Amino acid sequence: MSAPRILVLDDEADLRELLEITLLKMGLDVDSAATLRQARALFDERDYALVLTDMRLPDGLGLELVREIAASGKGTPVAVITAYGSAENAVVALKAGAFDYIAKPVALDALRVMVRSALKLSEGAAAADGGAVASRMIGHSPAMQSLRAQIARLARSMAPISITGESGSGKELAAREIHAQSSRASKPFVAVNCGAIPETLMEAEFFGYRKGAFTGAAEERDGFFQAANGGTLMLDEVADLPLAMQVKLLRAIQERRVRKIGATSEEPVDVRIISATHQDLARCVETGKFRQDLFYRLNVIELALPPLRERMDDLALLADGILNRLAGPGQASLGPDVLEALKAYSFPGNVRELENVLERALAFANDGAIQVGDLSLKAARPVEAGRSETMTLTAPPTPVPPPVEVVQAPPPGPMAALVALGPAELPSNLPEYLEQVERDIIGRALQQTQFNRTQAASLLGISVRQLRYQMQKLDICAPED
């Protein structure tokens, strides 16, 4: 079997020779060109496992070749060589369809890692020609067909991806699907909820630390970047990162190197970054909550997930899949009119809420046959233009324990009950009055979102971390607490 062949395009003879020698030592065949015209002629004559091109050439830009190869249908990965500090050029190339980029001066260890990833990608593409890759993204609606097609294209790139969508719409599942279809599928997939890590521990959690670096560091430990080395790191709820951590994360992504706490040198990491959030990152940039440079680094390619209400054609498939997982294949089913009742509901919590509704209904159902009366949700249905009627579907009158009181009652005193003040009245104790107002508002937000802290924080316009702090300060407990 012949060795994979690489096409190198660069007008600097010294760099071209260095790249050729490095690739030949890796056991690869190499063709080289100094101009776009020469490269086009070679590409038309032969099939390549990878094309490596400089951005600026005597007769044009390497970006032109990136677009031409992407449009050729051959599926050949292209990597670009960018000048030091030209991050904008790298982002433009990735958006145009480049597989990856490498900065000048070229680090040979980084070059070898990138080439190996590209070769795995080529092998995976050849294997995929024999049959379609099974997807875990269920649905036949146009929105889901388009989403699966986008995921298949994105899996072939190293470009950072920003996944946007409402809570419960399947952002982590989409990230796992991208990883599973990529050349990194055999390497780790590490998902991190950025809103759940205390700010004081973030650097240690992301980058690791050396033994003795701080009190309690009894042994050396790797961080998320080292754990995901060679694979994919998903940063969920990335908008919740504090600004100080955003600076450190930006450097790690740009340099592809990290330094453990207590270490004196950096270590290279090969990680593809996928970020996700239900917030509007562009709006966070405008308000100063999120760094613009990090936004452009993470948001090279945006993947928007449709909410469940926009893909109701998939509801039956999703419900069957969820019931099979909860009760076993063929052990649970939807009775007459149940599907229509579910379609009448808007599902603000998306697929995650659908799972909760079906799991709760299954507990009430007889012999696994879910009836309309087993559901517990409110569904809005139109009755006339501009108006809507709410249909309440409640569980059967089965004796159940009294509901848990979620928001604790305030301590006895002058503010034990929140009383509306008249325009001329003043509270006798302002701090206690404001605490009670805040406690009441947070309690109502939690109840409206069925105690989903992420959704409740979004309703109140604060971060999950802020909400968690206020709940602790005001002694507000959720059922799982």
Protein backbone atom coordinates (compact mmCIF):
# COMPACT_ATOMS: atom_id res chain seq x y z
CA MET A 1 0.00 0.00 0.00
CA SER A 2 1.42 3.39 -1.03
CA ALA A 3 2.09 6.06 1.57
CA PRO A 4 -0.35 9.00 1.87
CA ARG A 5 0.64 11.92 -0.32
CA ILE A 6 0.79 15.53 0.92
CA LEU A 7 0.77 18.70 -1.19
CA VAL A 8 2.84 21.56 0.26
CA LEU A 9 2.32 25.07 -1.13
CA ASP A 10 4.64 27.87 0.02
CA ASP A 11 6.72 30.46 -1.81
CA GLU A 12 9.53 30.42 0.78
CA ALA A 13 12.01 27.79 -0.40
CA ASP A 14 13.57 27.28 3.06
CA LEU A 15 10.23 26.69 4.78
CA ARG A 16 9.04 24.47 1.94
CA GLU A 17 12.17 22.34 2.28
CA LEU A 18 11.74 22.10 6.07
CA LEU A 19 8.15 20.94 5.66
CA GLU A 20 9.12 18.39 2.99
CA ILE A 21 11.90 16.88 5.16
CA THR A 22 9.60 16.67 8.21
CA LEU A 23 6.82 14.96 6.25
CA LEU A 24 9.21 12.56 4.49
CA LYS A 25 10.58 11.50 7.90
CA MET A 26 7.00 10.68 8.88
CA GLY A 27 6.91 8.19 6.01
CA LEU A 28 4.75 10.33 3.71
CA ASP A 29 5.09 11.19 0.04
CA VAL A 30 5.33 14.90 -0.69
CA ASP A 31 4.68 17.15 -3.70
CA SER A 32 5.53 20.83 -3.43
CA ALA A 33 4.57 24.00 -5.25
CA ALA A 34 5.55 27.66 -5.00
CA THR A 35 2.48 29.20 -6.67
CA LEU A 36 -1.27 28.71 -6.77
CA ARG A 37 -1.07 27.81 -10.45
CA GLN A 38 1.38 24.97 -9.81
CA ALA A 39 -0.69 23.71 -6.86
CA ARG A 40 -3.91 23.68 -8.90
CA ALA A 41 -2.25 21.65 -11.65
CA LEU A 42 -0.94 19.08 -9.15
CA PHE A 43 -4.26 18.86 -7.33
CA ASP A 44 -6.08 18.15 -10.63
CA GLU A 45 -3.65 15.32 -11.46
CA ARG A 46 -3.49 13.48 -8.12
CA ASP A 47 -5.44 12.71 -4.96
CA TYR A 48 -3.95 14.05 -1.73
CA ALA A 49 -4.49 13.08 1.89
CA LEU A 50 -3.71 16.68 2.95
CA VAL A 51 -2.96 20.05 1.37
CA LEU A 52 -0.78 22.42 3.38
CA THR A 53 -0.77 25.99 2.02
CA ASP A 54 0.59 29.39 2.97
CA MET A 55 -1.89 32.26 3.11
CA ARG A 56 0.04 34.76 0.96
CA LEU A 57 1.42 33.60 -2.39
CA PRO A 58 2.92 35.40 -5.42
CA ASP A 59 -0.17 34.86 -7.58
CA GLY A 60 -2.95 35.09 -5.00
CA LEU A 61 -4.12 33.96 -1.57
CA GLY A 62 -4.11 30.45 -0.14
CA LEU A 63 -7.70 31.17 0.87
CA GLU A 64 -8.67 30.82 -2.81
CA LEU A 65 -7.30 27.27 -2.84
CA VAL A 66 -9.12 26.45 0.40
CA ARG A 67 -12.44 27.45 -1.15
CA GLU A 68 -11.73 25.62 -4.43
CA ILE A 69 -10.82 22.37 -2.69
CA ALA A 70 -13.84 22.64 -0.37
CA ALA A 71 -16.06 23.03 -3.46
CA SER A 72 -14.35 20.21 -5.38
CA GLY A 73 -16.20 17.47 -3.50
CA LYS A 74 -13.04 15.40 -2.97
CA GLY A 75 -13.16 15.91 0.78
CA THR A 76 -9.42 16.65 0.96
CA PRO A 77 -8.51 18.38 4.25
CA VAL A 78 -6.63 21.67 3.86
CA ALA A 79 -4.45 23.29 6.52
CA VAL A 80 -3.19 26.85 6.25
CA ILE A 81 0.05 28.43 7.45
CA THR A 82 -0.53 31.87 8.94
CA ALA A 83 1.87 34.60 9.99
CA TYR A 84 2.53 34.96 13.73
CA GLY A 85 -0.28 36.89 15.41
CA SER A 86 -2.62 36.72 12.38
CA ALA A 87 -5.46 35.15 14.31
CA GLU A 88 -8.04 36.87 12.08
CA ASN A 89 -6.64 35.15 8.97
CA ALA A 90 -6.84 31.77 10.70
CA VAL A 91 -10.48 32.35 11.63
CA VAL A 92 -11.33 33.40 8.05
CA ALA A 93 -9.63 30.28 6.68
CA LEU A 94 -11.47 27.99 9.08
CA LYS A 95 -14.80 29.55 8.11
CA ALA A 96 -13.91 29.04 4.44
CA GLY A 97 -13.51 25.31 5.02
CA ALA A 98 -9.93 24.79 6.20
CA PHE A 99 -9.37 21.76 8.40
CA ASP A 100 -6.84 23.46 10.68
CA TYR A 101 -4.10 26.08 10.77
CA ILE A 102 -0.53 26.38 12.01
CA ALA A 103 1.29 29.62 12.81
CA LYS A 104 4.77 30.76 11.76
CA PRO A 105 7.40 30.06 12.94
CA VAL A 106 6.19 26.50 12.39
CA ALA A 107 6.55 24.27 15.47
CA LEU A 108 7.39 20.82 14.11
CA ASP A 109 5.76 18.93 16.99
CA ALA A 110 2.49 20.82 16.38
CA LEU A 111 2.84 20.16 12.63
CA ARG A 112 3.17 16.40 13.20
CA VAL A 113 0.09 16.34 15.46
CA MET A 114 -1.94 18.26 12.89
CA VAL A 115 -0.83 15.99 10.01
CA ARG A 116 -1.71 12.84 11.95
CA SER A 117 -5.18 14.25 12.67
CA ALA A 118 -5.67 15.06 8.98
CA LEU A 119 -4.61 11.56 7.93
CA LYS A 120 -7.08 10.01 10.36
CA LEU A 121 -9.73 12.27 8.88
CA SER A 122 -8.91 11.06 5.36
CA GLU A 123 -9.06 7.43 6.48
CA GLY A 124 -12.40 8.07 8.18
CA ALA A 125 -13.80 9.69 5.03
CA ALA A 126 -12.74 6.70 2.94
CA ALA A 127 -14.36 4.30 5.39
CA ALA A 128 -17.54 6.37 5.49
CA ASP A 129 -17.97 5.96 1.74
CA GLY A 130 -19.14 2.43 2.40
CA GLY A 131 -22.14 3.49 4.48
CA ALA A 132 -23.70 6.31 6.43
CA VAL A 133 -22.69 6.89 10.03
CA ALA A 134 -25.54 6.24 12.45
CA SER A 135 -26.66 9.40 14.22
CA ARG A 136 -28.04 9.79 17.72
CA MET A 137 -29.83 12.98 16.68
CA ILE A 138 -33.35 11.57 16.26
CA GLY A 139 -35.86 13.07 13.85
CA HIS A 140 -36.99 13.30 10.23
CA SER A 141 -38.11 16.94 10.27
CA PRO A 142 -36.38 19.35 7.83
CA ALA A 143 -34.72 21.08 10.80
CA MET A 144 -33.14 17.82 12.00
CA GLN A 145 -32.08 16.72 8.52
CA SER A 146 -30.32 20.06 8.07
CA LEU A 147 -28.74 19.77 11.52
CA ARG A 148 -27.34 16.30 10.82
CA ALA A 149 -25.89 17.51 7.52
CA GLN A 150 -24.19 20.43 9.28
CA ILE A 151 -22.77 18.11 11.95
CA ALA A 152 -21.33 15.80 9.28
CA ARG A 153 -19.51 18.76 7.69
CA LEU A 154 -18.32 20.22 10.98
CA ALA A 155 -16.93 16.88 12.13
CA ARG A 156 -14.31 17.08 9.36
CA SER A 157 -12.82 20.32 10.68
CA MET A 158 -10.72 21.39 13.63
CA ALA A 159 -12.44 24.77 13.77
CA PRO A 160 -13.90 25.76 17.14
CA ILE A 161 -17.69 25.47 17.18
CA SER A 162 -20.19 27.47 19.21
CA ILE A 163 -23.45 25.60 19.78
CA THR A 164 -26.42 27.78 20.62
CA GLY A 165 -29.90 26.77 21.64
CA GLU A 166 -32.43 26.86 24.43
CA SER A 167 -31.93 24.84 27.60
CA GLY A 168 -32.79 21.20 27.05
CA SER A 169 -32.45 21.33 23.25
CA GLY A 170 -29.56 18.84 23.16
CA LYS A 171 -26.38 20.93 22.96
CA GLU A 172 -24.18 18.32 24.64
CA LEU A 173 -25.67 15.56 22.48
CA ALA A 174 -24.81 17.59 19.36
CA ALA A 175 -21.25 18.10 20.63
CA ARG A 176 -20.88 14.37 21.28
CA GLU A 177 -22.19 13.67 17.79
CA ILE A 178 -19.58 15.98 16.24
CA HIS A 179 -16.86 14.24 18.25
CA ALA A 180 -18.14 10.75 17.33
CA GLN A 181 -18.05 11.53 13.59
CA SER A 182 -14.62 13.20 13.70
CA SER A 183 -11.14 11.77 13.42
CA ARG A 184 -10.92 12.22 17.22
CA ALA A 185 -13.67 9.71 17.98
CA SER A 186 -11.24 7.27 19.63
CA LYS A 187 -9.92 9.99 21.97
CA PRO A 188 -11.60 11.47 25.07
CA PHE A 189 -14.66 13.70 25.00
CA VAL A 190 -14.68 15.90 28.12
CA ALA A 191 -17.74 18.04 28.91
CA VAL A 192 -17.37 20.84 31.46
CA ASN A 193 -20.17 22.95 32.95
CA CYS A 194 -18.45 26.32 33.36
CA GLY A 195 -21.22 27.62 35.61
CA ALA A 196 -20.75 24.85 38.18
CA ILE A 197 -17.05 25.44 39.01
CA PRO A 198 -16.18 27.87 41.85
CA GLU A 199 -14.15 30.76 40.49
CA THR A 200 -11.25 30.11 42.88
CA LEU A 201 -10.83 26.56 41.52
CA MET A 202 -11.21 27.27 37.82
CA GLU A 203 -7.54 27.55 36.85
CA ALA A 204 -6.66 24.35 38.71
CA GLU A 205 -9.62 22.48 37.17
CA PHE A 206 -8.85 23.60 33.61
CA PHE A 207 -5.05 23.45 33.57
CA GLY A 208 -4.11 21.17 36.49
CA TYR A 209 -1.47 21.73 39.16
CA ARG A 210 1.84 20.45 40.44
CA LYS A 211 2.34 18.79 43.79
CA GLY A 212 2.84 21.42 46.49
CA ALA A 213 1.61 24.27 44.27
CA PHE A 214 -0.78 25.34 47.04
CA THR A 215 -2.07 24.12 50.37
CA GLY A 216 -3.79 20.79 49.86
CA ALA A 217 -2.05 19.94 46.57
CA ALA A 218 -0.75 16.61 47.83
CA GLU A 219 -0.11 15.20 44.35
CA GLU A 220 0.16 16.36 40.76
CA ARG A 221 -3.12 16.50 38.87
CA ASP A 222 -4.09 17.02 35.23
CA GLY A 223 -6.77 19.51 34.25
CA PHE A 224 -9.56 19.33 31.70
CA PHE A 225 -7.23 20.26 28.83
CA GLN A 226 -4.83 17.42 29.60
CA ALA A 227 -7.72 14.98 30.12
CA ALA A 228 -9.11 15.85 26.67
CA ASN A 229 -5.72 15.78 24.92
CA GLY A 230 -6.16 14.40 21.42
CA GLY A 231 -9.94 14.66 21.72
CA THR A 232 -12.66 17.24 22.26
CA LEU A 233 -13.28 19.62 25.16
CA MET A 234 -16.83 20.94 25.46
CA LEU A 235 -17.29 24.14 27.44
CA ASP A 236 -20.97 24.17 28.41
CA GLU A 237 -22.53 27.45 29.60
CA VAL A 238 -19.33 29.23 28.57
CA ALA A 239 -21.00 32.63 29.11
CA ASP A 240 -20.75 32.00 32.87
CA LEU A 241 -16.93 32.13 32.82
CA PRO A 242 -15.56 35.06 34.86
CA LEU A 243 -13.49 37.60 32.92
CA ALA A 244 -10.22 36.63 34.62
CA MET A 245 -10.62 33.03 33.45
CA GLN A 246 -11.59 34.15 29.96
CA VAL A 247 -8.12 35.68 29.53
CA LYS A 248 -6.38 32.43 30.51
CA LEU A 249 -8.68 30.37 28.31
CA LEU A 250 -8.02 32.62 25.31
CA ARG A 251 -4.26 32.10 25.62
CA ALA A 252 -4.64 28.33 25.93
CA ILE A 253 -6.77 28.19 22.78
CA GLN A 254 -4.46 30.49 20.77
CA GLU A 255 -1.16 28.92 21.81
CA ARG A 256 -2.45 25.35 22.21
CA ARG A 257 -0.30 25.13 25.29
CA VAL A 258 -1.17 25.23 28.99
CA ARG A 259 0.80 25.74 32.19
CA LYS A 260 -0.14 23.88 35.34
CA ILE A 261 -0.33 25.87 38.55
CA GLY A 262 3.14 25.67 40.12
CA ALA A 263 4.88 24.74 36.84
CA THR A 264 7.55 26.88 35.17
CA SER A 265 6.97 25.72 31.60
CA GLU A 266 4.01 25.15 29.32
CA GLU A 267 3.01 21.82 27.79
CA PRO A 268 1.38 21.37 24.38
CA VAL A 269 -2.20 20.12 24.18
CA ASP A 270 -4.11 18.98 21.11
CA VAL A 271 -7.75 19.76 21.88
CA ARG A 272 -10.71 20.73 19.76
CA ILE A 273 -12.93 23.25 21.53
CA ILE A 274 -16.72 23.14 21.33
CA SER A 275 -18.57 25.73 23.39
CA ALA A 276 -22.25 25.95 24.19
CA THR A 277 -24.60 28.38 25.88
CA HIS A 278 -28.28 29.28 25.98
CA GLN A 279 -27.32 32.96 26.30
CA ASP A 280 -26.70 35.42 23.47
CA LEU A 281 -22.89 35.66 23.47
CA ALA A 282 -22.89 38.65 21.12
CA ARG A 283 -25.11 40.47 23.61
CA CYS A 284 -22.77 39.45 26.44
CA VAL A 285 -19.90 41.01 24.47
CA GLU A 286 -21.85 44.26 24.06
CA THR A 287 -22.54 44.46 27.80
CA GLY A 288 -18.90 43.74 28.70
CA LYS A 289 -19.67 40.40 30.31
CA PHE A 290 -17.71 38.41 27.70
CA ARG A 291 -14.41 39.24 25.98
CA GLN A 292 -14.70 40.07 22.30
CA ASP A 293 -11.43 38.35 21.34
CA LEU A 294 -12.50 35.13 23.05
CA PHE A 295 -15.91 35.38 21.39
CA TYR A 296 -14.31 35.44 17.93
CA ARG A 297 -12.05 32.53 18.87
CA LEU A 298 -14.93 30.35 20.06
CA ASN A 299 -17.53 31.46 17.52
CA VAL A 300 -15.64 30.52 14.36
CA ILE A 301 -18.57 28.34 13.29
CA GLU A 302 -21.99 28.61 14.91
CA LEU A 303 -24.34 25.64 15.14
CA ALA A 304 -27.89 26.64 16.12
CA LEU A 305 -30.13 23.91 17.56
CA PRO A 306 -33.87 24.19 16.87
CA PRO A 307 -36.23 24.17 19.86
CA LEU A 308 -38.66 21.26 20.16
CA ARG A 309 -41.66 23.45 19.28
CA GLU A 310 -40.12 23.95 15.80
CA ARG A 311 -39.79 20.20 15.17
CA MET A 312 -43.07 18.79 16.43
CA ASP A 313 -43.03 16.31 13.52
CA ASP A 314 -40.33 14.48 15.47
CA LEU A 315 -42.38 14.26 18.67
CA ALA A 316 -43.62 10.70 18.08
CA LEU A 317 -40.09 9.41 17.33
CA LEU A 318 -38.65 11.20 20.35
CA ALA A 319 -41.39 9.91 22.65
CA ASP A 320 -40.89 6.32 21.46
CA GLY A 321 -37.15 6.57 21.98
CA ILE A 322 -37.55 8.02 25.48
CA LEU A 323 -40.13 5.41 26.52
CA ASN A 324 -37.96 2.56 25.20
CA ARG A 325 -35.08 3.86 27.29
CA LEU A 326 -37.20 4.37 30.41
CA ALA A 327 -39.26 1.17 30.35
CA GLY A 328 -37.56 -1.07 27.81
CA PRO A 329 -38.47 -1.76 24.17
CA GLY A 330 -42.21 -2.32 23.75
CA GLN A 331 -42.94 -1.95 27.48
CA ALA A 332 -44.62 1.47 27.29
CA SER A 333 -46.85 3.24 24.78
CA LEU A 334 -48.90 6.39 24.23
CA GLY A 335 -52.68 6.04 24.37
CA PRO A 336 -55.24 7.77 22.12
CA ASP A 337 -54.96 11.56 21.84
CA VAL A 338 -51.80 11.67 24.02
CA LEU A 339 -49.61 12.69 21.09
CA GLU A 340 -52.00 15.48 20.15
CA ALA A 341 -52.06 16.67 23.76
CA LEU A 342 -48.25 16.76 23.79
CA LYS A 343 -48.17 18.65 20.49
CA ALA A 344 -50.46 21.31 21.99
CA TYR A 345 -47.79 22.10 24.59
CA SER A 346 -44.92 24.50 23.79
CA PHE A 347 -42.22 22.66 25.81
CA PRO A 348 -40.12 25.59 27.06
CA GLY A 349 -37.71 23.02 28.49
CA ASN A 350 -37.46 21.25 25.11
CA VAL A 351 -36.43 17.57 24.88
CA ARG A 352 -35.28 17.49 28.50
CA GLU A 353 -38.74 18.59 29.62
CA LEU A 354 -40.35 16.00 27.33
CA GLU A 355 -38.29 13.32 29.11
CA ASN A 356 -39.45 14.60 32.50
CA VAL A 357 -43.11 14.70 31.40
CA LEU A 358 -43.02 11.14 30.04
CA GLU A 359 -41.14 9.76 33.04
CA ARG A 360 -43.69 11.33 35.41
CA ALA A 361 -46.62 10.09 33.27
CA LEU A 362 -45.14 6.58 33.18
CA ALA A 363 -45.26 6.49 36.98
CA PHE A 364 -49.03 7.14 36.87
CA ALA A 365 -49.79 4.89 33.88
CA ASN A 366 -51.42 1.46 34.16
CA ASP A 367 -49.40 -1.33 32.51
CA GLY A 368 -47.20 1.20 30.74
CA ALA A 369 -50.07 2.63 28.65
CA ILE A 370 -49.92 6.42 29.08
CA GLN A 371 -53.28 8.21 28.83
CA VAL A 372 -54.03 11.92 28.57
CA GLY A 373 -55.01 11.94 32.26
CA ASP A 374 -51.53 10.69 33.19
CA LEU A 375 -49.93 13.87 31.87
CA SER A 376 -49.28 16.90 34.02
CA LEU A 377 -48.67 19.99 31.92
CA LYS A 378 -50.31 23.12 30.59
CA ALA A 379 -50.78 23.36 26.85
CA ALA A 380 -51.83 26.49 25.01
CA ARG A 381 -54.04 26.08 21.96
CA PRO A 382 -55.41 28.87 19.75
CA VAL A 383 -59.13 29.62 19.99
CA GLU A 384 -59.34 32.76 17.89
CA ALA A 385 -57.00 35.26 16.30
CA GLY A 386 -54.90 37.10 18.83
CA ARG A 387 -56.14 35.02 21.79
CA SER A 388 -55.30 31.65 23.30
CA GLU A 389 -56.96 29.27 25.68
CA THR A 390 -55.06 27.22 28.25
CA MET A 391 -55.92 23.56 28.68
CA THR A 392 -54.71 22.02 31.92
CA LEU A 393 -53.91 18.32 31.90
CA THR A 394 -53.58 16.91 35.39
CA ALA A 395 -52.63 13.58 36.88
CA PRO A 396 -55.40 11.25 38.14
CA PRO A 397 -56.61 11.75 41.73
CA THR A 398 -54.19 9.18 43.15
CA PRO A 399 -53.28 9.87 46.78
CA VAL A 400 -49.80 11.37 46.86
CA PRO A 401 -47.69 12.87 49.63
CA PRO A 402 -48.10 16.61 50.17
CA PRO A 403 -45.77 18.68 47.97
CA VAL A 404 -42.43 19.70 49.36
CA GLU A 405 -42.28 23.34 50.33
CA VAL A 406 -39.42 24.65 48.23
CA VAL A 407 -38.95 28.19 49.44
CA GLN A 408 -38.46 28.29 53.19
CA ALA A 409 -40.66 30.63 55.14
CA PRO A 410 -38.92 33.77 56.45
CA PRO A 411 -38.07 33.90 60.14
CA PRO A 412 -40.80 35.28 62.41
CA GLY A 413 -40.70 38.99 62.88
CA PRO A 414 -42.08 42.19 61.46
CA MET A 415 -41.38 41.02 57.90
CA ALA A 416 -42.71 37.44 58.24
CA ALA A 417 -45.40 38.22 55.69
CA LEU A 418 -44.71 40.33 52.63
CA VAL A 419 -47.31 43.07 52.64
CA ALA A 420 -47.78 45.48 49.75
CA LEU A 421 -46.89 48.99 50.85
CA GLY A 422 -49.00 51.96 50.00
CA PRO A 423 -47.49 54.96 48.19
CA ALA A 424 -46.95 56.79 51.48
CA GLU A 425 -45.81 53.78 53.52
CA LEU A 426 -42.25 52.75 54.31
CA PRO A 427 -40.97 49.37 55.53
CA SER A 428 -40.03 49.27 59.19
CA ASN A 429 -36.91 47.22 58.36
CA LEU A 430 -35.60 47.84 54.82
CA PRO A 431 -32.94 45.04 54.64
CA GLU A 432 -35.43 42.40 55.81
CA TYR A 433 -38.10 43.70 53.45
CA LEU A 434 -35.74 43.60 50.43
CA GLU A 435 -34.56 40.09 51.37
CA GLN A 436 -38.14 38.88 51.48
CA VAL A 437 -38.94 40.50 48.11
CA GLU A 438 -35.88 38.80 46.59
CA ARG A 439 -36.76 35.47 48.23
CA ASP A 440 -40.28 35.65 46.83
CA ILE A 441 -39.15 36.49 43.29
CA ILE A 442 -36.48 33.75 43.18
CA GLY A 443 -38.97 31.24 44.58
CA ARG A 444 -41.50 32.06 41.87
CA ALA A 445 -38.85 31.83 39.13
CA LEU A 446 -37.80 28.38 40.38
CA GLN A 447 -41.38 27.16 40.52
CA GLN A 448 -42.11 28.44 37.00
CA THR A 449 -39.09 26.54 35.61
CA GLN A 450 -39.70 23.39 37.68
CA PHE A 451 -36.55 24.22 39.68
CA ASN A 452 -34.26 24.35 36.65
CA ARG A 453 -31.62 26.79 37.93
CA THR A 454 -30.31 27.60 34.44
CA GLN A 455 -33.74 28.61 33.16
CA ALA A 456 -34.57 30.46 36.37
CA ALA A 457 -31.34 32.46 36.14
CA SER A 458 -32.15 33.30 32.52
CA LEU A 459 -35.63 34.53 33.49
CA LEU A 460 -34.13 36.78 36.15
CA GLY A 461 -31.32 38.05 33.93
CA ILE A 462 -28.51 36.80 36.17
CA SER A 463 -25.88 34.04 35.91
CA VAL A 464 -26.37 30.60 37.40
CA ARG A 465 -23.53 31.35 39.80
CA GLN A 466 -25.28 34.51 41.02
CA LEU A 467 -28.53 32.62 41.47
CA ARG A 468 -26.80 29.86 43.43
CA TYR A 469 -25.17 32.48 45.68
CA GLN A 470 -28.47 34.28 46.33
CA MET A 471 -30.24 30.97 47.10
CA GLN A 472 -27.55 30.12 49.64
CA LYS A 473 -27.61 33.60 51.17
CA LEU A 474 -31.40 33.62 51.48
CA ASP A 475 -31.57 29.98 52.58
CA ILE A 476 -33.69 28.89 49.62
CA CYS A 477 -33.71 25.12 49.04
CA ALA A 478 -34.75 23.12 45.96
CA PRO A 479 -36.21 19.58 46.31
CA GLU A 480 -32.95 17.86 45.34
CA ASP A 481 -31.09 19.84 48.00
